[in-house]
Amino acid sequence: MSDADQKTYDNPSNTPPPEELPYADMEPEEFPDDPDVAGATESGTPG
């Protein structure tokens, strides 16, 4: 995380824009690192 990003989170009055909010407005498919999503995809895929 860069200094600019860190200052954003350290300063409560400086609310980050929606695109900086982690997972808030994302669909489950957007983050394959999620164990539930990854597990369901891998076990549900015929191979």
Protein backbone atom coordinates (compact mmCIF):
# COMPACT_ATOMS: atom_id res chain seq x y z
CA MET A 1 0.00 0.00 0.00
CA SER A 2 1.44 3.38 -1.00
CA ASP A 3 1.76 6.35 1.35
CA ALA A 4 -1.12 8.10 -0.40
CA ASP A 5 -3.39 5.09 0.08
CA GLN A 6 -2.31 4.70 3.69
CA LYS A 7 -3.14 8.34 4.43
CA THR A 8 -6.58 7.81 2.92
CA TYR A 9 -7.32 5.01 5.39
CA ASP A 10 -5.64 6.76 8.33
CA ASN A 11 -7.80 9.86 7.82
CA PRO A 12 -11.47 9.09 8.71
CA SER A 13 -12.66 12.35 7.12
CA ASN A 14 -11.09 11.35 3.80
CA THR A 15 -13.47 8.66 2.58
CA PRO A 16 -12.01 6.51 -0.23
CA PRO A 17 -13.97 6.37 -3.51
CA PRO A 18 -16.15 3.26 -4.14
CA GLU A 19 -13.54 1.68 -6.41
CA GLU A 20 -11.10 1.58 -3.47
CA LEU A 21 -13.52 -0.27 -1.18
CA PRO A 22 -12.41 -3.93 -0.98
CA TYR A 23 -15.15 -6.50 -1.76
CA ALA A 24 -17.90 -3.95 -0.97
CA ASP A 25 -19.40 -3.68 -4.47
CA MET A 26 -17.70 -6.70 -6.04
CA GLU A 27 -19.43 -9.82 -7.25
CA PRO A 28 -18.10 -13.15 -5.85
CA GLU A 29 -16.61 -13.98 -9.26
CA GLU A 30 -14.39 -10.91 -9.00
CA PHE A 31 -12.14 -12.40 -6.30
CA PRO A 32 -11.09 -16.00 -7.09
CA ASP A 33 -8.83 -15.96 -4.02
CA ASP A 34 -11.94 -16.49 -1.89
CA PRO A 35 -11.70 -20.10 -0.62
CA ASP A 36 -15.43 -20.74 -0.98
CA VAL A 37 -15.59 -19.43 -4.54
CA ALA A 38 -12.36 -21.12 -5.58
CA GLY A 39 -13.38 -24.42 -3.97
CA ALA A 40 -16.83 -24.40 -5.54
CA THR A 41 -15.37 -23.54 -8.96
CA GLU A 42 -12.64 -26.19 -8.85
CA SER A 43 -14.80 -29.00 -7.44
CA GLY A 44 -17.75 -28.05 -9.63
CA THR A 45 -15.73 -28.04 -12.85
CA PRO A 46 -15.70 -31.39 -14.66
CA GLY A 47 -12.18 -32.45 -15.47
